[in-house]
Amino acid sequence: MRIGYLEASAGASSLTGAYARLEGGARLRENLGLFAFVEANPRERMAGAGMRWTFGW
């Protein structure tokens, strides 16, 4: 089972122009993970953290 990830992306928005985003996370259990991200564009900088719970039948 993989327990972590790192994702980087870049793109362009018609509202804010170019942007870059970096996100990383770790899986604590099979269906529960934590993640954090940073994102920047010419107008603003953002950072955040969250929890991801996956489920299915």
N, C-alpha and C. Protein backbone atom coordinates (compact mmCIF):
# COMPACT_ATOMS: atom_id res chain seq x y z
N MET A 1 0.84 -1.18 0.00
CA MET A 1 0.00 0.00 0.00
C MET A 1 0.89 1.24 0.00
N ARG A 2 0.59 2.16 -0.88
CA ARG A 2 1.31 3.44 -0.90
C ARG A 2 0.80 4.30 0.25
N ILE A 3 1.72 5.03 0.89
CA ILE A 3 1.31 5.78 2.08
C ILE A 3 1.46 7.29 1.93
N GLY A 4 2.00 7.79 0.82
CA GLY A 4 2.15 9.23 0.68
C GLY A 4 2.16 9.65 -0.78
N TYR A 5 2.06 10.96 -1.00
CA TYR A 5 2.12 11.46 -2.36
C TYR A 5 2.59 12.90 -2.37
N LEU A 6 3.10 13.32 -3.49
CA LEU A 6 3.49 14.70 -3.73
C LEU A 6 3.04 15.04 -5.14
N GLU A 7 2.35 16.14 -5.31
CA GLU A 7 1.82 16.53 -6.61
C GLU A 7 2.17 17.99 -6.87
N ALA A 8 2.66 18.28 -8.05
CA ALA A 8 2.95 19.65 -8.46
C ALA A 8 2.20 19.92 -9.75
N SER A 9 1.63 21.12 -9.87
CA SER A 9 0.93 21.46 -11.11
C SER A 9 1.10 22.95 -11.38
N ALA A 10 0.95 23.29 -12.64
CA ALA A 10 1.00 24.69 -13.06
C ALA A 10 -0.02 24.86 -14.18
N GLY A 11 -0.55 26.06 -14.31
CA GLY A 11 -1.54 26.30 -15.35
C GLY A 11 -1.83 27.78 -15.49
N ALA A 12 -2.94 28.07 -16.15
CA ALA A 12 -3.34 29.45 -16.35
C ALA A 12 -4.84 29.57 -16.14
N SER A 13 -5.23 30.67 -15.55
CA SER A 13 -6.64 30.98 -15.30
C SER A 13 -6.99 32.27 -16.01
N SER A 14 -8.18 32.34 -16.56
CA SER A 14 -8.61 33.57 -17.22
C SER A 14 -8.80 34.71 -16.23
N LEU A 15 -8.99 34.39 -14.96
CA LEU A 15 -9.19 35.44 -13.95
C LEU A 15 -7.89 35.92 -13.32
N THR A 16 -6.97 35.00 -13.00
CA THR A 16 -5.78 35.37 -12.24
C THR A 16 -4.47 35.19 -12.99
N GLY A 17 -4.50 34.64 -14.19
CA GLY A 17 -3.26 34.42 -14.94
C GLY A 17 -2.61 33.10 -14.56
N ALA A 18 -1.30 33.04 -14.69
CA ALA A 18 -0.55 31.82 -14.40
C ALA A 18 -0.59 31.48 -12.91
N TYR A 19 -0.54 30.20 -12.60
CA TYR A 19 -0.50 29.78 -11.20
C TYR A 19 0.37 28.53 -11.07
N ALA A 20 0.81 28.28 -9.85
CA ALA A 20 1.57 27.07 -9.50
C ALA A 20 0.99 26.52 -8.21
N ARG A 21 0.94 25.19 -8.11
CA ARG A 21 0.36 24.54 -6.93
C ARG A 21 1.22 23.34 -6.55
N LEU A 22 1.42 23.17 -5.25
CA LEU A 22 2.15 22.03 -4.70
C LEU A 22 1.30 21.43 -3.60
N GLU A 23 1.09 20.12 -3.65
CA GLU A 23 0.29 19.43 -2.63
C GLU A 23 1.00 18.16 -2.22
N GLY A 24 0.97 17.86 -0.94
CA GLY A 24 1.55 16.62 -0.41
C GLY A 24 0.65 16.06 0.66
N GLY A 25 0.67 14.75 0.80
CA GLY A 25 -0.19 14.14 1.80
C GLY A 25 0.30 12.77 2.22
N ALA A 26 -0.34 12.26 3.23
CA ALA A 26 0.00 10.93 3.77
C ALA A 26 -1.29 10.19 4.11
N ARG A 27 -1.29 8.91 3.83
CA ARG A 27 -2.44 8.06 4.17
C ARG A 27 -2.20 7.48 5.55
N LEU A 28 -3.10 7.78 6.47
CA LEU A 28 -2.98 7.28 7.84
C LEU A 28 -3.59 5.89 7.97
N ARG A 29 -4.68 5.67 7.28
CA ARG A 29 -5.35 4.37 7.23
C ARG A 29 -5.75 4.13 5.78
N GLU A 30 -6.30 2.99 5.48
CA GLU A 30 -6.67 2.67 4.11
C GLU A 30 -7.63 3.69 3.50
N ASN A 31 -8.51 4.25 4.31
CA ASN A 31 -9.51 5.19 3.79
C ASN A 31 -9.39 6.60 4.36
N LEU A 32 -8.30 6.93 5.03
CA LEU A 32 -8.17 8.24 5.67
C LEU A 32 -6.78 8.81 5.43
N GLY A 33 -6.73 10.05 4.95
CA GLY A 33 -5.46 10.70 4.70
C GLY A 33 -5.51 12.17 5.06
N LEU A 34 -4.35 12.75 5.28
CA LEU A 34 -4.20 14.18 5.54
C LEU A 34 -3.38 14.79 4.41
N PHE A 35 -3.64 16.05 4.09
CA PHE A 35 -2.87 16.70 3.04
C PHE A 35 -2.70 18.18 3.34
N ALA A 36 -1.72 18.78 2.70
CA ALA A 36 -1.48 20.22 2.80
C ALA A 36 -1.13 20.72 1.40
N PHE A 37 -1.41 22.00 1.14
CA PHE A 37 -1.12 22.56 -0.18
C PHE A 37 -0.69 24.01 -0.07
N VAL A 38 0.02 24.45 -1.08
CA VAL A 38 0.33 25.87 -1.29
C VAL A 38 0.04 26.17 -2.75
N GLU A 39 -0.47 27.35 -3.01
CA GLU A 39 -0.77 27.77 -4.38
C GLU A 39 -0.45 29.25 -4.50
N ALA A 40 0.11 29.63 -5.64
CA ALA A 40 0.49 31.02 -5.85
C ALA A 40 0.14 31.44 -7.27
N ASN A 41 -0.29 32.68 -7.39
CA ASN A 41 -0.48 33.31 -8.70
C ASN A 41 -0.04 34.76 -8.56
N PRO A 42 -0.04 35.52 -9.63
CA PRO A 42 0.46 36.91 -9.53
C PRO A 42 -0.29 37.79 -8.53
N ARG A 43 -1.53 37.47 -8.22
CA ARG A 43 -2.33 38.32 -7.34
C ARG A 43 -2.37 37.87 -5.89
N GLU A 44 -2.21 36.58 -5.62
CA GLU A 44 -2.38 36.10 -4.24
C GLU A 44 -1.60 34.83 -3.98
N ARG A 45 -1.44 34.53 -2.70
CA ARG A 45 -0.81 33.29 -2.23
C ARG A 45 -1.81 32.61 -1.31
N MET A 46 -1.88 31.28 -1.38
CA MET A 46 -2.81 30.52 -0.53
C MET A 46 -2.09 29.33 0.07
N ALA A 47 -2.56 28.89 1.20
CA ALA A 47 -2.06 27.66 1.83
C ALA A 47 -3.22 27.06 2.61
N GLY A 48 -3.20 25.76 2.75
CA GLY A 48 -4.27 25.10 3.49
C GLY A 48 -3.93 23.67 3.82
N ALA A 49 -4.79 23.06 4.58
CA ALA A 49 -4.63 21.65 4.97
C ALA A 49 -6.01 21.04 5.04
N GLY A 50 -6.06 19.73 4.92
CA GLY A 50 -7.35 19.07 4.96
C GLY A 50 -7.24 17.59 5.23
N MET A 51 -8.37 16.95 5.24
CA MET A 51 -8.48 15.52 5.49
C MET A 51 -9.27 14.92 4.33
N ARG A 52 -8.85 13.75 3.88
CA ARG A 52 -9.54 13.07 2.79
C ARG A 52 -10.01 11.71 3.30
N TRP A 53 -11.31 11.50 3.24
CA TRP A 53 -11.91 10.23 3.65
C TRP A 53 -12.53 9.61 2.42
N THR A 54 -12.11 8.42 2.07
CA THR A 54 -12.68 7.74 0.90
C THR A 54 -13.51 6.57 1.37
N PHE A 55 -14.57 6.28 0.61
CA PHE A 55 -15.45 5.18 0.97
C PHE A 55 -16.09 4.63 -0.30
N GLY A 56 -16.65 3.47 -0.20
CA GLY A 56 -17.31 2.87 -1.33
C GLY A 56 -17.96 1.55 -0.93
N TRP A 57 -18.77 1.07 -1.82
CA TRP A 57 -19.47 -0.18 -1.56
C TRP A 57 -19.10 -1.19 -2.60
